[in-house]
Amino acid sequence: MLKNLICFLAILSCFNSICYSMVSGVKSNQQTTTEIKDTVNKIGVNGRIKFVTLTDGRKLKGWIKEIKSDSFILVDGAKLVGSKIVAEDKTNSALEIQFTQIKEIKAYRNIPGAVLGGIIIGAAGLGILALISLAGRN
């Protein structure tokens, strides 16, 4: 009985750790200029931005065409050149955004990849727990 309870609690804690690893930490909406600059540099030229919230309340999305020391240029599209994605201003609406104008910025991420990673980790953990539980019965 005690062995079953311990296995159940171990499985439950494994599921909890998987769920918490997929949820990003709660942060304030305000990012510092240094954090914003670092985020833009991590995304890089030709990188995709999920959204940028400006201090005036506007929300924008797009691709980084160019990064400067105090700003970056956001365009509305991209094209495939060879095997690389290149940011492209499709509607002549390129916008230079100063880092000081940004309240929050978020990079586009491949969510299915993160979920798949969590599933793989969870399945491995459950497999190990099942082996331990079967080995303990002998």
Protein backbone atom coordinates (compact mmCIF):
# COMPACT_ATOMS: atom_id res chain seq x y z
CA MET A 1 0.00 0.00 0.00
CA LEU A 2 2.76 2.43 0.97
CA LYS A 3 4.68 1.55 -2.22
CA ASN A 4 1.60 2.37 -4.36
CA LEU A 5 1.10 5.68 -2.55
CA ILE A 6 4.75 6.65 -3.13
CA CYS A 7 4.48 5.75 -6.85
CA PHE A 8 1.26 7.76 -7.16
CA LEU A 9 2.85 10.81 -5.50
CA ALA A 10 5.95 10.49 -7.71
CA ILE A 11 3.78 10.38 -10.87
CA LEU A 12 1.74 13.34 -9.65
CA SER A 13 4.86 15.42 -8.96
CA CYS A 14 6.20 14.49 -12.42
CA PHE A 15 3.01 15.84 -14.05
CA ASN A 16 3.18 18.99 -11.94
CA SER A 17 6.78 19.69 -12.94
CA ILE A 18 5.90 19.20 -16.63
CA CYS A 19 2.95 21.59 -16.40
CA TYR A 20 4.96 24.24 -14.55
CA SER A 21 7.86 23.96 -17.00
CA MET A 22 5.51 24.82 -19.90
CA VAL A 23 4.08 27.91 -18.23
CA SER A 24 6.27 31.00 -18.34
CA GLY A 25 6.85 32.86 -15.11
CA VAL A 26 4.62 35.77 -14.26
CA LYS A 27 6.43 39.06 -14.82
CA SER A 28 5.35 42.62 -14.81
CA ASN A 29 4.35 44.08 -18.18
CA GLN A 30 7.10 46.69 -17.91
CA GLN A 31 10.48 45.68 -19.36
CA THR A 32 13.56 47.83 -18.98
CA THR A 33 15.25 49.33 -22.02
CA THR A 34 18.24 47.02 -21.50
CA GLU A 35 16.00 43.93 -21.43
CA ILE A 36 14.24 45.12 -24.58
CA LYS A 37 17.54 45.75 -26.36
CA ASP A 38 18.78 42.29 -25.33
CA THR A 39 15.55 40.68 -26.55
CA VAL A 40 15.77 42.41 -29.93
CA ASN A 41 19.41 41.35 -30.31
CA LYS A 42 18.51 37.75 -29.40
CA ILE A 43 15.73 37.72 -32.00
CA GLY A 44 18.18 39.18 -34.51
CA VAL A 45 17.87 40.58 -38.01
CA ASN A 46 15.20 38.75 -40.05
CA GLY A 47 13.71 37.44 -36.79
CA ARG A 48 9.96 37.38 -36.17
CA ILE A 49 8.30 39.40 -33.43
CA LYS A 50 5.02 38.12 -32.01
CA PHE A 51 4.12 41.55 -30.65
CA VAL A 52 5.58 44.86 -29.54
CA THR A 53 3.54 46.99 -27.16
CA LEU A 54 4.50 50.65 -27.40
CA THR A 55 4.18 53.19 -24.61
CA ASP A 56 1.31 54.86 -26.50
CA GLY A 57 -0.69 51.59 -26.35
CA ARG A 58 -0.23 50.40 -29.93
CA LYS A 59 0.51 46.72 -30.52
CA LEU A 60 2.57 45.79 -33.56
CA LYS A 61 3.97 42.59 -35.02
CA GLY A 62 6.32 41.76 -37.86
CA TRP A 63 9.93 41.06 -38.77
CA ILE A 64 13.16 42.84 -37.83
CA LYS A 65 14.77 44.33 -40.94
CA GLU A 66 17.64 46.17 -39.24
CA ILE A 67 18.94 46.73 -35.69
CA LYS A 68 20.58 50.03 -34.76
CA SER A 69 22.16 51.15 -31.49
CA ASP A 70 19.00 52.84 -30.15
CA SER A 71 16.25 51.43 -32.41
CA PHE A 72 15.25 48.76 -34.89
CA ILE A 73 13.23 48.69 -38.10
CA LEU A 74 10.05 46.59 -38.12
CA VAL A 75 8.58 45.44 -41.43
CA ASP A 76 5.38 43.57 -42.24
CA GLY A 77 6.64 40.52 -44.12
CA ALA A 78 9.37 38.15 -45.08
CA LYS A 79 10.38 36.08 -48.07
CA LEU A 80 12.37 32.92 -48.60
CA VAL A 81 15.70 33.51 -50.34
CA GLY A 82 17.50 30.26 -50.93
CA SER A 83 17.11 28.51 -47.60
CA LYS A 84 16.97 31.67 -45.46
CA ILE A 85 14.09 33.88 -44.40
CA VAL A 86 14.70 37.55 -45.15
CA ALA A 87 12.59 40.39 -43.73
CA GLU A 88 10.86 42.38 -46.44
CA ASP A 89 8.74 45.54 -46.44
CA LYS A 90 5.78 44.37 -48.54
CA THR A 91 3.50 47.40 -48.14
CA ASN A 92 6.02 50.24 -47.67
CA SER A 93 5.08 50.50 -44.01
CA ALA A 94 8.49 50.02 -42.40
CA LEU A 95 8.58 51.56 -38.94
CA GLU A 96 11.64 52.59 -36.97
CA ILE A 97 10.96 51.90 -33.29
CA GLN A 98 13.10 53.44 -30.56
CA PHE A 99 13.90 51.09 -27.66
CA THR A 100 12.60 53.78 -25.28
CA GLN A 101 9.17 53.66 -27.00
CA ILE A 102 8.67 49.99 -26.14
CA LYS A 103 6.71 48.86 -23.11
CA GLU A 104 6.91 45.11 -23.85
CA ILE A 105 8.24 42.89 -26.62
CA LYS A 106 7.72 39.20 -27.26
CA ALA A 107 9.50 36.99 -29.77
CA TYR A 108 7.63 34.49 -31.89
CA ARG A 109 8.28 31.00 -30.55
CA ASN A 110 7.58 27.56 -31.84
CA ILE A 111 4.99 26.48 -29.24
CA PRO A 112 4.42 22.97 -30.68
CA GLY A 113 8.14 22.29 -30.19
CA ALA A 114 7.93 23.28 -26.52
CA VAL A 115 4.87 21.10 -25.97
CA LEU A 116 6.52 18.15 -27.72
CA GLY A 117 9.57 18.54 -25.48
CA GLY A 118 7.34 18.47 -22.38
CA ILE A 119 5.56 15.35 -23.63
CA ILE A 120 8.86 13.57 -24.27
CA ILE A 121 10.18 14.47 -20.80
CA GLY A 122 6.91 13.35 -19.20
CA ALA A 123 6.85 10.04 -21.09
CA ALA A 124 10.44 9.33 -20.09
CA GLY A 125 9.65 10.10 -16.45
CA LEU A 126 6.57 7.88 -16.48
CA GLY A 127 8.56 5.07 -18.12
CA ILE A 128 11.19 5.23 -15.40
CA LEU A 129 8.54 5.24 -12.67
CA ALA A 130 6.80 2.24 -14.28
CA LEU A 131 10.10 0.33 -14.37
CA ILE A 132 10.76 1.16 -10.71
CA SER A 133 7.26 0.07 -9.74
CA LEU A 134 7.56 -3.22 -11.69
CA ALA A 135 11.01 -3.93 -10.26
CA GLY A 136 9.71 -3.37 -6.73
CA ARG A 137 7.05 -6.08 -7.09
CA ASN A 138 9.57 -8.90 -7.44
